[in-house]
Protein backbone atom coordinates (compact mmCIF):
# COMPACT_ATOMS: atom_id res chain seq x y z
CA MET A 1 29.97 85.34 41.39
CA SER A 2 28.73 81.52 41.30
CA VAL A 3 30.01 79.10 43.61
CA ALA A 4 30.75 75.52 42.33
CA LEU A 5 29.16 72.81 44.45
CA PRO A 6 31.18 69.80 45.17
CA LYS A 7 29.90 66.98 43.20
CA THR A 8 28.53 63.82 44.91
CA SER A 9 29.16 60.44 43.75
CA LYS A 10 26.29 58.01 43.40
CA PRO A 11 26.35 55.37 46.10
CA VAL A 12 27.31 51.97 44.63
CA ARG A 13 24.51 49.23 45.28
CA VAL A 14 26.00 45.95 46.11
CA LEU A 15 23.70 43.08 45.93
CA SER A 16 23.66 40.41 48.26
CA PHE A 17 23.74 36.82 47.86
CA SER A 18 20.03 36.43 48.56
CA ASN A 19 19.38 39.03 45.96
CA ARG A 20 21.55 37.53 43.21
CA MET A 21 19.82 34.11 44.05
CA SER A 22 16.31 35.65 43.77
CA ARG A 23 17.26 37.29 40.25
CA TRP A 24 18.72 33.90 39.20
CA ASP A 25 15.39 32.31 40.72
CA LEU A 26 13.25 34.36 38.55
CA LYS A 27 15.29 33.50 35.38
CA ILE A 28 15.63 29.73 35.92
CA SER A 29 12.84 28.61 37.78
CA PRO A 30 10.17 28.54 34.69
CA TYR A 31 12.79 26.40 32.87
CA LEU A 32 13.06 24.04 35.70
CA TYR A 33 9.45 23.50 36.15
CA ILE A 34 8.99 22.50 32.40
CA SER A 35 12.40 20.69 32.42
CA PRO A 36 10.93 17.32 33.46
CA PHE A 37 8.95 16.94 30.27
CA PHE A 38 11.43 17.59 27.97
CA VAL A 39 13.81 15.35 29.76
CA MET A 40 11.27 12.57 29.80
CA PHE A 41 10.34 13.39 26.14
CA ALA A 42 14.19 12.93 25.22
CA ILE A 43 14.55 9.44 27.10
CA VAL A 44 11.26 7.81 25.91
CA GLY A 45 10.60 9.73 22.78
CA LEU A 46 13.73 11.31 20.73
CA PHE A 47 16.11 8.63 21.85
CA PRO A 48 13.97 5.62 20.56
CA ILE A 49 13.55 7.42 17.37
CA ALA A 50 16.97 8.33 16.73
CA PHE A 51 17.97 4.59 17.77
CA THR A 52 15.39 3.13 15.29
CA ALA A 53 16.47 5.31 12.60
CA VAL A 54 20.00 3.92 13.05
CA ILE A 55 18.99 0.34 13.42
CA SER A 56 17.12 0.94 10.23
CA PHE A 57 20.29 1.15 8.16
CA MET A 58 21.91 -2.02 9.80
CA ASP A 59 21.36 -5.70 9.61
CA TRP A 60 20.97 -5.83 13.39
CA ASP A 61 21.71 -8.94 15.72
CA LEU A 62 19.47 -8.96 18.69
CA VAL A 63 21.65 -11.48 20.52
CA ARG A 64 24.94 -9.64 20.16
CA ASN A 65 22.84 -6.08 20.28
CA SER A 66 25.05 -5.01 17.56
CA GLY A 67 24.67 -4.68 13.83
CA THR A 68 26.45 -4.22 10.49
CA PHE A 69 25.75 -1.33 8.42
CA ILE A 70 24.23 -1.89 5.07
CA GLY A 71 22.53 1.43 4.20
CA LEU A 72 19.39 1.46 2.23
CA ASP A 73 19.00 -2.46 1.76
CA GLN A 74 16.30 -2.51 4.32
CA TYR A 75 14.23 0.13 2.81
CA VAL A 76 14.92 -1.48 -0.71
CA TRP A 77 13.69 -4.76 0.65
CA ILE A 78 10.53 -3.44 2.15
CA LEU A 79 9.55 -1.61 -0.93
CA GLN A 80 9.92 -4.85 -2.91
CA GLN A 81 7.86 -6.93 -0.91
CA PRO A 82 4.45 -7.58 -2.23
CA HIS A 83 2.99 -8.10 1.28
CA PHE A 84 4.09 -4.30 1.91
CA TRP A 85 1.89 -2.88 -0.84
CA THR A 86 -0.90 -5.21 0.08
CA ALA A 87 -0.82 -3.98 3.69
CA LEU A 88 -0.77 -0.23 2.35
CA ARG A 89 -3.75 -0.77 0.14
CA ASN A 90 -5.70 -2.46 3.16
CA THR A 91 -4.54 0.24 5.40
CA PHE A 92 -5.89 2.83 3.32
CA SER A 93 -9.15 1.10 2.44
CA ILE A 94 -9.90 0.55 6.12
CA PHE A 95 -8.96 3.98 6.65
CA LEU A 96 -11.55 5.45 4.30
CA LEU A 97 -14.25 3.05 5.26
CA SER A 98 -13.93 4.11 8.75
CA THR A 99 -13.17 7.69 8.56
CA VAL A 100 -15.93 8.91 6.57
CA PRO A 101 -18.88 7.29 7.92
CA GLN A 102 -17.41 7.90 11.31
CA LEU A 103 -17.25 11.60 10.70
CA ILE A 104 -20.56 11.96 9.60
CA LEU A 105 -22.25 9.90 12.23
CA ALA A 106 -20.03 11.88 14.83
CA ILE A 107 -21.56 15.27 13.39
CA PHE A 108 -25.13 13.65 13.68
CA ILE A 109 -24.56 12.81 17.05
CA ALA A 110 -23.03 16.07 18.24
CA ALA A 111 -25.68 17.93 16.66
CA ILE A 112 -28.41 16.01 18.52
CA LEU A 113 -26.56 16.43 21.73
CA ASP A 114 -26.27 20.13 21.35
CA ARG A 115 -29.97 20.38 21.11
CA ASN A 116 -31.93 21.03 24.50
CA ILE A 117 -32.76 17.31 25.25
CA ARG A 118 -33.30 15.58 28.59
CA ALA A 119 -30.82 14.00 30.56
CA LYS A 120 -27.84 15.68 28.41
CA THR A 121 -25.24 14.67 30.50
CA PHE A 122 -26.26 11.02 30.60
CA TRP A 123 -26.39 10.73 26.75
CA ARG A 124 -22.93 12.68 26.58
CA MET A 125 -21.41 10.14 28.88
CA GLY A 126 -23.28 7.22 27.09
CA VAL A 127 -21.66 8.00 23.82
CA LEU A 128 -18.02 7.95 25.30
CA LEU A 129 -18.38 4.50 26.91
CA PRO A 130 -17.59 2.47 23.88
CA TYR A 131 -14.04 4.29 23.77
CA VAL A 132 -13.59 2.90 27.23
CA VAL A 133 -14.14 -0.56 26.17
CA ALA A 134 -10.78 -2.46 25.81
CA PRO A 135 -9.82 -3.41 22.12
CA VAL A 136 -9.69 -7.15 22.83
CA ALA A 137 -13.40 -7.17 24.29
CA VAL A 138 -14.39 -5.21 21.23
CA GLY A 139 -12.63 -8.04 19.02
CA LEU A 140 -14.45 -10.63 20.91
CA ILE A 141 -17.84 -8.92 20.43
CA PHE A 142 -17.51 -8.40 16.98
CA ASN A 143 -15.90 -11.63 16.09
CA VAL A 144 -19.48 -12.81 17.21
CA VAL A 145 -21.32 -10.58 15.41
CA PHE A 146 -19.39 -11.01 12.10
CA ALA A 147 -18.76 -14.84 12.45
CA ASP A 148 -18.99 -16.61 9.02
CA GLN A 149 -21.04 -19.30 10.23
CA PHE A 150 -23.14 -18.34 13.14
CA GLY A 151 -22.43 -14.74 13.30
CA LEU A 152 -25.51 -12.29 14.00
CA VAL A 153 -25.50 -10.55 10.75
CA ASN A 154 -25.32 -13.76 8.75
CA GLY A 155 -28.31 -14.82 10.91
CA LEU A 156 -30.33 -12.08 10.14
CA LEU A 157 -29.49 -12.36 6.51
CA THR A 158 -30.22 -15.93 6.30
CA ASP A 159 -33.53 -15.13 7.87
CA LEU A 160 -34.37 -12.69 5.26
CA GLY A 161 -33.60 -15.25 2.61
CA LEU A 162 -29.76 -13.77 1.51
CA ASP A 163 -26.75 -15.45 1.39
CA PRO A 164 -24.38 -15.31 4.35
CA ILE A 165 -21.30 -13.02 4.04
CA GLN A 166 -17.69 -14.51 4.24
CA TRP A 167 -16.39 -11.67 6.58
CA HIS A 168 -13.02 -13.39 7.21
CA LYS A 169 -12.38 -14.54 3.56
CA GLU A 170 -13.53 -11.56 1.28
CA PRO A 171 -11.11 -8.61 1.49
CA PHE A 172 -13.75 -6.04 1.30
CA TRP A 173 -16.14 -7.36 3.89
CA SER A 174 -13.36 -8.18 6.35
CA HIS A 175 -12.66 -4.24 5.68
CA VAL A 176 -16.29 -3.42 6.37
CA ALA A 177 -16.22 -5.45 9.57
CA ILE A 178 -12.83 -4.09 11.00
CA SER A 179 -14.08 -0.60 9.99
CA THR A 180 -17.07 -1.33 12.12
CA MET A 181 -15.17 -2.00 14.82
CA VAL A 182 -13.23 1.23 14.46
CA ASN A 183 -16.42 3.29 14.14
CA TYR A 184 -17.53 1.80 17.27
CA ARG A 185 -14.82 2.83 19.27
CA TRP A 186 -13.85 6.46 18.13
CA THR A 187 -17.48 7.81 16.93
CA GLY A 188 -18.34 8.90 20.40
CA TYR A 189 -14.89 10.36 21.29
CA ASN A 190 -15.10 12.68 18.03
CA ALA A 191 -18.46 13.57 18.60
CA LEU A 192 -17.88 14.95 21.87
CA ILE A 193 -14.83 16.91 20.29
CA LEU A 194 -17.31 18.53 17.72
CA LEU A 195 -20.00 18.94 20.57
CA ALA A 196 -17.42 21.02 22.27
CA ALA A 197 -16.91 23.17 19.21
CA MET A 198 -20.59 23.38 18.83
CA GLN A 199 -21.28 24.77 22.29
CA ALA A 200 -18.55 27.44 21.41
CA VAL A 201 -20.31 28.86 18.67
CA ASN A 202 -22.26 32.25 19.72
CA ARG A 203 -25.89 31.65 20.38
CA ASP A 204 -27.07 35.07 18.88
CA TYR A 205 -26.66 33.78 15.22
CA TYR A 206 -29.14 31.18 15.96
CA GLU A 207 -31.51 33.52 17.49
CA ALA A 208 -30.97 36.03 14.51
CA ALA A 209 -31.65 33.09 12.03
CA THR A 210 -34.65 31.77 13.96
CA VAL A 211 -36.00 35.67 13.65
CA ASP A 212 -35.56 35.63 9.77
CA GLY A 213 -37.23 32.09 9.55
CA ALA A 214 -34.30 29.89 9.12
CA GLY A 215 -35.09 26.39 10.00
CA PRO A 216 -32.99 23.77 12.10
CA PHE A 217 -31.50 22.47 8.93
CA ARG A 218 -30.49 25.77 7.36
CA GLN A 219 -29.12 27.04 10.92
CA PHE A 220 -26.79 23.86 10.93
CA VAL A 221 -25.61 24.42 7.04
CA SER A 222 -25.11 28.12 7.35
CA ILE A 223 -23.90 28.29 10.93
CA THR A 224 -22.70 25.31 12.62
CA LEU A 225 -20.75 23.57 9.86
CA PRO A 226 -18.68 26.84 8.91
CA SER A 227 -17.88 27.38 12.56
CA LEU A 228 -16.82 23.65 12.77
CA LYS A 229 -14.15 23.92 10.05
CA PRO A 230 -11.25 24.07 12.07
CA THR A 231 -12.35 21.61 14.57
CA LEU A 232 -13.43 19.36 11.59
CA ILE A 233 -10.05 19.33 10.17
CA PHE A 234 -8.32 18.66 13.52
CA VAL A 235 -10.44 15.57 13.88
CA VAL A 236 -9.67 14.54 10.16
CA ILE A 237 -5.77 14.88 10.81
CA THR A 238 -5.83 12.65 14.20
CA SER A 239 -8.28 10.21 12.36
CA THR A 240 -5.68 9.97 9.47
CA ILE A 241 -2.94 9.53 11.81
CA GLY A 242 -4.79 6.84 13.81
CA GLY A 243 -5.91 5.18 10.77
CA LEU A 244 -2.78 4.69 9.14
CA GLN A 245 -1.33 3.38 12.67
CA ILE A 246 -4.49 0.88 13.00
CA PHE A 247 -3.40 -2.26 14.64
CA ASP A 248 -5.63 -3.49 17.50
CA GLU A 249 -8.57 -3.98 15.37
CA PRO A 250 -7.15 -6.23 12.87
CA ARG A 251 -4.95 -8.03 15.36
CA VAL A 252 -8.00 -9.28 17.24
CA PHE A 253 -10.10 -9.77 14.26
CA ASP A 254 -9.24 -13.38 14.25
CA GLN A 255 -7.35 -15.82 16.73
CA PHE A 256 -4.01 -15.71 14.72
CA GLY A 257 -3.67 -11.97 14.46
CA ARG A 258 -1.64 -12.06 11.22
CA GLY A 259 -4.01 -10.42 8.85
CA GLY A 260 -6.00 -13.40 7.28
CA ALA A 261 -4.80 -16.56 5.48
CA GLY A 262 -4.35 -14.30 2.38
CA GLN A 263 -3.45 -11.11 3.94
CA GLN A 264 -7.04 -9.89 3.39
CA TRP A 265 -7.00 -7.30 6.29
CA LEU A 266 -2.94 -7.07 6.82
CA THR A 267 -2.24 -3.57 7.59
CA ILE A 268 1.11 -1.79 7.59
CA SER A 269 1.32 -1.90 11.63
CA LEU A 270 0.42 -5.61 11.59
CA TYR A 271 2.76 -6.39 8.92
CA LEU A 272 5.42 -4.50 11.03
CA TYR A 273 4.80 -6.27 14.12
CA ASP A 274 5.09 -9.78 12.04
CA ILE A 275 8.39 -8.65 10.95
CA GLY A 276 9.80 -7.48 14.16
CA TRP A 277 8.39 -10.08 16.46
CA GLY A 278 7.64 -12.84 14.20
CA GLN A 279 10.61 -12.82 11.68
CA TRP A 280 12.78 -11.44 14.52
CA ASN A 281 14.40 -8.84 12.15
CA PHE A 282 14.47 -5.58 13.98
CA GLY A 283 16.59 -3.85 11.21
CA ARG A 284 13.70 -4.21 8.68
CA ALA A 285 11.07 -3.65 11.14
CA ALA A 286 12.71 -0.18 12.04
CA ALA A 287 13.06 0.45 8.36
CA MET A 288 9.15 -0.26 7.83
CA ALA A 289 8.34 1.92 10.99
CA TRP A 290 10.29 4.90 9.37
CA ILE A 291 8.38 4.40 5.97
CA LEU A 292 5.11 4.40 7.86
CA PHE A 293 6.34 7.71 9.68
CA LEU A 294 7.22 9.39 6.30
CA ILE A 295 3.73 8.53 5.04
CA ILE A 296 2.03 10.03 8.12
CA LEU A 297 4.50 12.98 8.05
CA VAL A 298 3.50 13.65 4.37
CA ILE A 299 -0.21 13.18 4.97
CA GLY A 300 -0.12 15.32 7.98
CA LEU A 301 1.83 18.06 6.32
CA LEU A 302 -0.83 18.34 3.60
CA ASN A 303 -3.59 18.42 6.16
CA LEU A 304 -1.67 21.13 8.06
CA PHE A 305 -1.56 23.26 4.93
CA VAL A 306 -5.27 22.70 4.04
CA THR A 307 -5.98 23.87 7.73
CA ARG A 308 -3.94 26.79 7.64
CA SER A 309 -5.35 27.92 4.20
CA LEU A 310 -8.92 27.35 5.19
CA VAL A 311 -8.68 29.13 8.75
CA ARG A 312 -6.95 31.98 7.23
CA ASP A 313 -9.58 32.50 4.32
CA GLU A 314 -12.39 32.00 7.07
CA GLY A 315 -10.66 34.88 8.98
CA ARG A 316 -10.32 37.17 5.99
CA ARG A 317 -13.99 36.56 4.96
CA GLY A 318 -15.14 37.53 8.41
CA LEU A 319 -12.71 40.59 9.02
CA GLY A 320 -12.88 41.79 5.29
CA GLN A 321 -16.66 42.45 5.55
CA PRO A 322 -18.83 45.43 7.39
CA ARG A 323 -20.56 44.63 10.52
CA GLY A 324 -23.77 44.37 8.63
CA LYS A 325 -22.51 42.02 5.97
CA ARG A 326 -21.33 39.74 8.60
CA LYS A 327 -24.45 39.38 10.35
CA GLU A 328 -25.98 38.62 6.84
CA ALA A 329 -23.34 36.02 6.15
CA ALA A 330 -23.97 34.14 9.76
CA GLN A 331 -27.84 33.93 8.87
């Protein structure tokens, strides 16, 4: 005969107030730690963007701090202005003349700094010094270098028996001068980014290539450049965004800062500044800012698509090969 044992009820656990607070602390505290950034970003980032978008559809009165809704008239007016298309052409011209030589020179400098040379820290700090120089100081220096009458470059050309160049009158040569200013400031910065990527490359690849008889140039082409693809694309994207927003260098290229008498070096950002603070039409300036934003967004999305496809293909080529094939590819 079996005897039924009495069932014992499970004691109910009562959470104290401190235990509840500790649980809430574990769930909420991470969001509280990161909330200051998002709050500040919403105040100084998202709100101005949204407010600018609203103003771009209005005929804004700065005195009354109010406006009348006019739809897309501001955008239509911007697109109908010849100065806008001139500024767009100048912006892309300066961007191409500065970005391509800048990337080539940055890769070359990074490759030199990646080698075992004396005083590496000194040279790495030295290439970053132009980035620290204020844009106004850069403008003063290069206005002397590229002066039309008594500039250093024209002085050298005159000594060689060549005709001086009108840097502030001819559109192409003004773009070259401004691009030189951009390259002076940003080449060292991009070189250090590329140098950091070169330092991350596995040195075993270079040792294996040296054993197989590959020279420095062959190692650079077969090992270094393929490893720099993601970083190069990042540098291209940031250079594209900065190049389309170029303002400081054209602004300080002469004493007036309006892009030249014939808009030889007028850029989109400079034209935007003139509409906003020269003509005091903030509705049109906001519309131009959004047009510039859309241009940058389209180019950025194209660069992002190219970046993802290249990185994905690079990973598949590496993972899809046997180990021996990977070594041979690295070599």
